[in-house]
Amino acid sequence: MKNNELHVVPTTEGWQITPANKEDETFDTRTEAVVAALQVAEIENLEVIVHSDDGEIEERLTDSPGQLAA
């Protein structure tokens, strides 16, 4: 894991951001975790790596214009 990355990963309790967010919070859904990770990434100029349910890397997100469009 690079210093400029946040990973959204599945756990037995839900979804977490690693390295751990300040509260070591677990999110109920991957979407909630991704939104929280993107907020931190924008402030700290980080890339967000989103993992699938099985832990494999599924996508890489940045705060580039249009990236957050759903």
PDB file of N, CA and C in Angstrom:
ATOM      1  N   MET A   1       0.847  -1.175   0.000  1.00  0.00           N
ATOM      2  CA  MET A   1       0.000   0.000   0.000  1.00  0.00           C
ATOM      3  C   MET A   1       0.894   1.240   0.000  1.00  0.00           C
ATOM      4  N   LYS A   2       0.609   2.148  -0.899  1.00  0.00           N
ATOM      5  CA  LYS A   2       1.372   3.378  -1.001  1.00  0.00           C
ATOM      6  C   LYS A   2       0.877   4.399   0.011  1.00  0.00           C
ATOM      7  N   ASN A   3       1.737   5.350   0.349  1.00  0.00           N
ATOM      8  CA  ASN A   3       1.372   6.389   1.307  1.00  0.00           C
ATOM      9  C   ASN A   3       0.302   7.338   0.787  1.00  0.00           C
ATOM     10  N   ASN A   4       0.110   7.372  -0.526  1.00  0.00           N
ATOM     11  CA  ASN A   4      -0.871   8.298  -1.087  1.00  0.00           C
ATOM     12  C   ASN A   4      -2.182   7.595  -1.454  1.00  0.00           C
ATOM     13  N   GLU A   5      -2.472   6.483  -0.793  1.00  0.00           N
ATOM     14  CA  GLU A   5      -3.676   5.703  -1.095  1.00  0.00           C
ATOM     15  C   GLU A   5      -4.516   5.452   0.148  1.00  0.00           C
ATOM     16  N   LEU A   6      -5.816   5.445  -0.061  1.00  0.00           N
ATOM     17  CA  LEU A   6      -6.768   4.947   0.926  1.00  0.00           C
ATOM     18  C   LEU A   6      -7.456   3.755   0.286  1.00  0.00           C
ATOM     19  N   HIS A   7      -7.609   2.682   1.018  1.00  0.00           N
ATOM     20  CA  HIS A   7      -8.272   1.500   0.495  1.00  0.00           C
ATOM     21  C   HIS A   7      -9.607   1.316   1.201  1.00  0.00           C
ATOM     22  N   VAL A   8     -10.641   1.042   0.425  1.00  0.00           N
ATOM     23  CA  VAL A   8     -11.953   0.688   0.967  1.00  0.00           C
ATOM     24  C   VAL A   8     -12.032  -0.825   0.872  1.00  0.00           C
ATOM     25  N   VAL A   9     -12.061  -1.475   2.053  1.00  0.00           N
ATOM     26  CA  VAL A   9     -11.955  -2.941   2.097  1.00  0.00           C
ATOM     27  C   VAL A   9     -13.100  -3.564   2.892  1.00  0.00           C
ATOM     28  N   PRO A  10     -13.495  -4.786   2.496  1.00  0.00           N
ATOM     29  CA  PRO A  10     -14.536  -5.492   3.245  1.00  0.00           C
ATOM     30  C   PRO A  10     -13.953  -6.097   4.516  1.00  0.00           C
ATOM     31  N   THR A  11     -14.769  -6.122   5.558  1.00  0.00           N
ATOM     32  CA  THR A  11     -14.418  -6.803   6.807  1.00  0.00           C
ATOM     33  C   THR A  11     -15.618  -7.651   7.218  1.00  0.00           C
ATOM     34  N   THR A  12     -15.454  -8.421   8.249  1.00  0.00           N
ATOM     35  CA  THR A  12     -16.578  -9.234   8.719  1.00  0.00           C
ATOM     36  C   THR A  12     -17.698  -8.371   9.300  1.00  0.00           C
ATOM     37  N   GLU A  13     -17.369  -7.132   9.704  1.00  0.00           N
ATOM     38  CA  GLU A  13     -18.365  -6.234  10.290  1.00  0.00           C
ATOM     39  C   GLU A  13     -18.968  -5.251   9.296  1.00  0.00           C
ATOM     40  N   GLY A  14     -18.378  -5.120   8.108  1.00  0.00           N
ATOM     41  CA  GLY A  14     -18.847  -4.143   7.121  1.00  0.00           C
ATOM     42  C   GLY A  14     -17.698  -3.716   6.237  1.00  0.00           C
ATOM     43  N   TRP A  15     -17.567  -2.406   6.029  1.00  0.00           N
ATOM     44  CA  TRP A  15     -16.522  -1.843   5.158  1.00  0.00           C
ATOM     45  C   TRP A  15     -15.704  -0.846   5.944  1.00  0.00           C
ATOM     46  N   GLN A  16     -14.380  -0.872   5.734  1.00  0.00           N
ATOM     47  CA  GLN A  16     -13.495   0.061   6.415  1.00  0.00           C
ATOM     48  C   GLN A  16     -12.560   0.731   5.418  1.00  0.00           C
ATOM     49  N   ILE A  17     -12.001   1.853   5.876  1.00  0.00           N
ATOM     50  CA  ILE A  17     -11.002   2.580   5.104  1.00  0.00           C
ATOM     51  C   ILE A  17      -9.650   2.303   5.741  1.00  0.00           C
ATOM     52  N   THR A  18      -8.680   1.876   4.930  1.00  0.00           N
ATOM     53  CA  THR A  18      -7.332   1.670   5.436  1.00  0.00           C
ATOM     54  C   THR A  18      -6.360   2.499   4.606  1.00  0.00           C
ATOM     55  N   PRO A  19      -5.299   3.073   5.154  1.00  0.00           N
ATOM     56  CA  PRO A  19      -5.048   3.010   6.580  1.00  0.00           C
ATOM     57  C   PRO A  19      -6.252   3.569   7.339  1.00  0.00           C
ATOM     58  N   ALA A  20      -6.416   3.131   8.566  1.00  0.00           N
ATOM     59  CA  ALA A  20      -7.626   3.399   9.345  1.00  0.00           C
ATOM     60  C   ALA A  20      -7.945   4.880   9.413  1.00  0.00           C
ATOM     61  N   ASN A  21      -9.228   5.184   9.222  1.00  0.00           N
ATOM     62  CA  ASN A  21      -9.660   6.556   9.419  1.00  0.00           C
ATOM     63  C   ASN A  21      -9.579   6.874  10.908  1.00  0.00           C
ATOM     64  N   LYS A  22      -9.655   8.129  11.249  1.00  0.00           N
ATOM     65  CA  LYS A  22      -9.391   8.565  12.617  1.00  0.00           C
ATOM     66  C   LYS A  22     -10.252   7.844  13.651  1.00  0.00           C
ATOM     67  N   GLU A  23     -11.479   7.581  13.337  1.00  0.00           N
ATOM     68  CA  GLU A  23     -12.374   6.933  14.297  1.00  0.00           C
ATOM     69  C   GLU A  23     -12.343   5.407  14.181  1.00  0.00           C
ATOM     70  N   ASP A  24     -11.566   4.882  13.226  1.00  0.00           N
ATOM     71  CA  ASP A  24     -11.553   3.450  12.942  1.00  0.00           C
ATOM     72  C   ASP A  24     -12.983   2.957  12.714  1.00  0.00           C
ATOM     73  N   GLU A  25     -13.723   3.733  11.934  1.00  0.00           N
ATOM     74  CA  GLU A  25     -15.143   3.497  11.708  1.00  0.00           C
ATOM     75  C   GLU A  25     -15.380   2.356  10.723  1.00  0.00           C
ATOM     76  N   THR A  26     -16.426   1.600  10.987  1.00  0.00           N
ATOM     77  CA  THR A  26     -16.891   0.573  10.058  1.00  0.00           C
ATOM     78  C   THR A  26     -18.204   1.064   9.454  1.00  0.00           C
ATOM     79  N   PHE A  27     -18.303   0.956   8.139  1.00  0.00           N
ATOM     80  CA  PHE A  27     -19.493   1.419   7.418  1.00  0.00           C
ATOM     81  C   PHE A  27     -20.364   0.233   7.039  1.00  0.00           C
ATOM     82  N   ASP A  28     -21.670   0.438   7.013  1.00  0.00           N
ATOM     83  CA  ASP A  28     -22.597  -0.636   6.665  1.00  0.00           C
ATOM     84  C   ASP A  28     -22.496  -1.026   5.198  1.00  0.00           C
ATOM     85  N   THR A  29     -22.233  -0.042   4.332  1.00  0.00           N
ATOM     86  CA  THR A  29     -22.181  -0.326   2.901  1.00  0.00           C
ATOM     87  C   THR A  29     -20.860   0.157   2.304  1.00  0.00           C
ATOM     88  N   ARG A  30     -20.520  -0.439   1.179  1.00  0.00           N
ATOM     89  CA  ARG A  30     -19.321  -0.010   0.464  1.00  0.00           C
ATOM     90  C   ARG A  30     -19.479   1.433  -0.006  1.00  0.00           C
ATOM     91  N   THR A  31     -20.668   1.793  -0.444  1.00  0.00           N
ATOM     92  CA  THR A  31     -20.915   3.153  -0.920  1.00  0.00           C
ATOM     93  C   THR A  31     -20.635   4.176   0.166  1.00  0.00           C
ATOM     94  N   GLU A  32     -21.096   3.931   1.386  1.00  0.00           N
ATOM     95  CA  GLU A  32     -20.833   4.850   2.496  1.00  0.00           C
ATOM     96  C   GLU A  32     -19.335   4.993   2.744  1.00  0.00           C
ATOM     97  N   ALA A  33     -18.616   3.893   2.695  1.00  0.00           N
ATOM     98  CA  ALA A  33     -17.170   3.918   2.913  1.00  0.00           C
ATOM     99  C   ALA A  33     -16.458   4.667   1.793  1.00  0.00           C
ATOM    100  N   VAL A  34     -16.897   4.463   0.558  1.00  0.00           N
ATOM    101  CA  VAL A  34     -16.285   5.149  -0.587  1.00  0.00           C
ATOM    102  C   VAL A  34     -16.499   6.658  -0.472  1.00  0.00           C
ATOM    103  N   VAL A  35     -17.704   7.075  -0.130  1.00  0.00           N
ATOM    104  CA  VAL A  35     -17.992   8.505   0.014  1.00  0.00           C
ATOM    105  C   VAL A  35     -17.096   9.116   1.088  1.00  0.00           C
ATOM    106  N   ALA A  36     -16.968   8.448   2.222  1.00  0.00           N
ATOM    107  CA  ALA A  36     -16.112   8.945   3.303  1.00  0.00           C
ATOM    108  C   ALA A  36     -14.648   8.990   2.865  1.00  0.00           C
ATOM    109  N   ALA A  37     -14.193   7.959   2.172  1.00  0.00           N
ATOM    110  CA  ALA A  37     -12.807   7.919   1.697  1.00  0.00           C
ATOM    111  C   ALA A  37     -12.542   9.033   0.695  1.00  0.00           C
ATOM    112  N   LEU A  38     -13.492   9.297  -0.189  1.00  0.00           N
ATOM    113  CA  LEU A  38     -13.318  10.363  -1.173  1.00  0.00           C
ATOM    114  C   LEU A  38     -13.250  11.742  -0.513  1.00  0.00           C
ATOM    115  N   GLN A  39     -13.994  11.922   0.565  1.00  0.00           N
ATOM    116  CA  GLN A  39     -13.935  13.197   1.283  1.00  0.00           C
ATOM    117  C   GLN A  39     -12.538  13.411   1.867  1.00  0.00           C
ATOM    118  N   VAL A  40     -11.975  12.383   2.469  1.00  0.00           N
ATOM    119  CA  VAL A  40     -10.622  12.471   3.025  1.00  0.00           C
ATOM    120  C   VAL A  40      -9.609  12.638   1.900  1.00  0.00           C
ATOM    121  N   ALA A  41      -9.780  11.877   0.828  1.00  0.00           N
ATOM    122  CA  ALA A  41      -8.841  11.912  -0.292  1.00  0.00           C
ATOM    123  C   ALA A  41      -8.770  13.297  -0.924  1.00  0.00           C
ATOM    124  N   GLU A  42      -9.899  13.963  -1.013  1.00  0.00           N
ATOM    125  CA  GLU A  42      -9.910  15.299  -1.602  1.00  0.00           C
ATOM    126  C   GLU A  42      -9.104  16.272  -0.747  1.00  0.00           C
ATOM    127  N   ILE A  43      -9.248  16.186   0.552  1.00  0.00           N
ATOM    128  CA  ILE A  43      -8.539  17.081   1.471  1.00  0.00           C
ATOM    129  C   ILE A  43      -7.044  16.776   1.485  1.00  0.00           C
ATOM    130  N   GLU A  44      -6.706  15.493   1.498  1.00  0.00           N
ATOM    131  CA  GLU A  44      -5.316  15.079   1.667  1.00  0.00           C
ATOM    132  C   GLU A  44      -4.627  14.699   0.356  1.00  0.00           C
ATOM    133  N   ASN A  45      -5.309  14.920  -0.767  1.00  0.00           N
ATOM    134  CA  ASN A  45      -4.760  14.631  -2.088  1.00  0.00           C
ATOM    135  C   ASN A  45      -4.314  13.169  -2.217  1.00  0.00           C
ATOM    136  N   LEU A  46      -5.237  12.261  -1.953  1.00  0.00           N
ATOM    137  CA  LEU A  46      -4.970  10.824  -1.985  1.00  0.00           C
ATOM    138  C   LEU A  46      -5.798  10.146  -3.066  1.00  0.00           C
ATOM    139  N   GLU A  47      -5.388   8.959  -3.430  1.00  0.00           N
ATOM    140  CA  GLU A  47      -6.143   8.123  -4.352  1.00  0.00           C
ATOM    141  C   GLU A  47      -6.943   7.114  -3.517  1.00  0.00           C
ATOM    142  N   VAL A  48      -8.150   6.797  -3.960  1.00  0.00           N
ATOM    143  CA  VAL A  48      -8.988   5.813  -3.275  1.00  0.00           C
ATOM    144  C   VAL A  48      -9.002   4.538  -4.106  1.00  0.00           C
ATOM    145  N   ILE A  49      -8.652   3.431  -3.466  1.00  0.00           N
ATOM    146  CA  ILE A  49      -8.656   2.118  -4.099  1.00  0.00           C
ATOM    147  C   ILE A  49      -9.829   1.349  -3.500  1.00  0.00           C
ATOM    148  N   VAL A  50     -10.782   0.972  -4.337  1.00  0.00           N
ATOM    149  CA  VAL A  50     -11.985   0.290  -3.865  1.00  0.00           C
ATOM    150  C   VAL A  50     -11.855  -1.200  -4.164  1.00  0.00           C
ATOM    151  N   HIS A  51     -12.052  -2.001  -3.133  1.00  0.00           N
ATOM    152  CA  HIS A  51     -11.970  -3.454  -3.263  1.00  0.00           C
ATOM    153  C   HIS A  51     -13.364  -4.054  -3.389  1.00  0.00           C
ATOM    154  N   SER A  52     -13.445  -5.213  -4.007  1.00  0.00           N
ATOM    155  CA  SER A  52     -14.712  -5.928  -4.146  1.00  0.00           C
ATOM    156  C   SER A  52     -14.977  -6.734  -2.881  1.00  0.00           C
ATOM    157  N   ASP A  53     -16.114  -7.404  -2.841  1.00  0.00           N
ATOM    158  CA  ASP A  53     -16.478  -8.229  -1.685  1.00  0.00           C
ATOM    159  C   ASP A  53     -15.429  -9.287  -1.365  1.00  0.00           C
ATOM    160  N   ASP A  54     -14.717  -9.774  -2.382  1.00  0.00           N
ATOM    161  CA  ASP A  54     -13.709 -10.807  -2.151  1.00  0.00           C
ATOM    162  C   ASP A  54     -12.315 -10.229  -1.896  1.00  0.00           C
ATOM    163  N   GLY A  55     -12.221  -8.901  -1.798  1.00  0.00           N
ATOM    164  CA  GLY A  55     -10.959  -8.262  -1.450  1.00  0.00           C
ATOM    165  C   GLY A  55     -10.096  -7.846  -2.628  1.00  0.00           C
ATOM    166  N   GLU A  56     -10.483  -8.224  -3.837  1.00  0.00           N
ATOM    167  CA  GLU A  56      -9.712  -7.851  -5.022  1.00  0.00           C
ATOM    168  C   GLU A  56      -9.921  -6.371  -5.348  1.00  0.00           C
ATOM    169  N   ILE A  57      -8.902  -5.725  -5.899  1.00  0.00           N
ATOM    170  CA  ILE A  57      -9.045  -4.329  -6.311  1.00  0.00           C
ATOM    171  C   ILE A  57     -10.034  -4.262  -7.468  1.00  0.00           C
ATOM    172  N   GLU A  58     -11.035  -3.411  -7.297  1.00  0.00           N
ATOM    173  CA  GLU A  58     -12.084  -3.281  -8.301  1.00  0.00           C
ATOM    174  C   GLU A  58     -11.951  -1.984  -9.096  1.00  0.00           C
ATOM    175  N   GLU A  59     -11.607  -0.885  -8.415  1.00  0.00           N
ATOM    176  CA  GLU A  59     -11.450   0.376  -9.130  1.00  0.00           C
ATOM    177  C   GLU A  59     -10.585   1.342  -8.336  1.00  0.00           C
ATOM    178  N   ARG A  60     -10.041   2.307  -9.067  1.00  0.00           N
ATOM    179  CA  ARG A  60      -9.230   3.375  -8.485  1.00  0.00           C
ATOM    180  C   ARG A  60      -9.953   4.686  -8.748  1.00  0.00           C
ATOM    181  N   LEU A  61     -10.109   5.476  -7.696  1.00  0.00           N
ATOM    182  CA  LEU A  61     -10.823   6.746  -7.815  1.00  0.00           C
ATOM    183  C   LEU A  61      -9.922   7.882  -7.368  1.00  0.00           C
ATOM    184  N   THR A  62     -10.074   9.013  -8.013  1.00  0.00           N
ATOM    185  CA  THR A  62      -9.398  10.226  -7.586  1.00  0.00           C
ATOM    186  C   THR A  62     -10.452  11.305  -7.453  1.00  0.00           C
ATOM    187  N   ASP A  63     -10.029  12.483  -7.049  1.00  0.00           N
ATOM    188  CA  ASP A  63     -10.988  13.585  -6.957  1.00  0.00           C
ATOM    189  C   ASP A  63     -10.993  14.417  -8.232  1.00  0.00           C
ATOM    190  N   SER A  64     -10.659  13.774  -9.362  1.00  0.00           N
ATOM    191  CA  SER A  64     -10.669  14.466 -10.645  1.00  0.00           C
ATOM    192  C   SER A  64     -12.086  14.916 -10.985  1.00  0.00           C
ATOM    193  N   PRO A  65     -12.219  15.994 -11.723  1.00  0.00           N
ATOM    194  CA  PRO A  65     -13.564  16.466 -12.106  1.00  0.00           C
ATOM    195  C   PRO A  65     -14.351  15.365 -12.810  1.00  0.00           C
ATOM    196  N   GLY A  66     -15.585  15.169 -12.395  1.00  0.00           N
ATOM    197  CA  GLY A  66     -16.436  14.176 -13.008  1.00  0.00           C
ATOM    198  C   GLY A  66     -16.295  12.781 -12.404  1.00  0.00           C
ATOM    199  N   GLN A  67     -15.301  12.574 -11.586  1.00  0.00           N
ATOM    200  CA  GLN A  67     -15.062  11.247 -11.013  1.00  0.00           C
ATOM    201  C   GLN A  67     -16.206  10.831 -10.089  1.00  0.00           C
ATOM    202  N   LEU A  68     -16.810  11.777  -9.408  1.00  0.00           N
ATOM    203  CA  LEU A  68     -17.848  11.450  -8.435  1.00  0.00           C
ATOM    204  C   LEU A  68     -19.225  11.329  -9.077  1.00  0.00           C
ATOM    205  N   ALA A  69     -19.337  11.573 -10.349  1.00  0.00           N
ATOM    206  CA  ALA A  69     -20.638  11.490 -11.016  1.00  0.00           C
ATOM    207  C   ALA A  69     -21.157  10.063 -10.948  1.00  0.00           C
ATOM    208  N   ALA A  70     -22.435   9.928 -10.641  1.00  0.00           N
ATOM    209  CA  ALA A  70     -23.017   8.582 -10.527  1.00  0.00           C
ATOM    210  C   ALA A  70     -24.029   8.345 -11.618  1.00  0.00           C
TER     211      ALA A  70
END
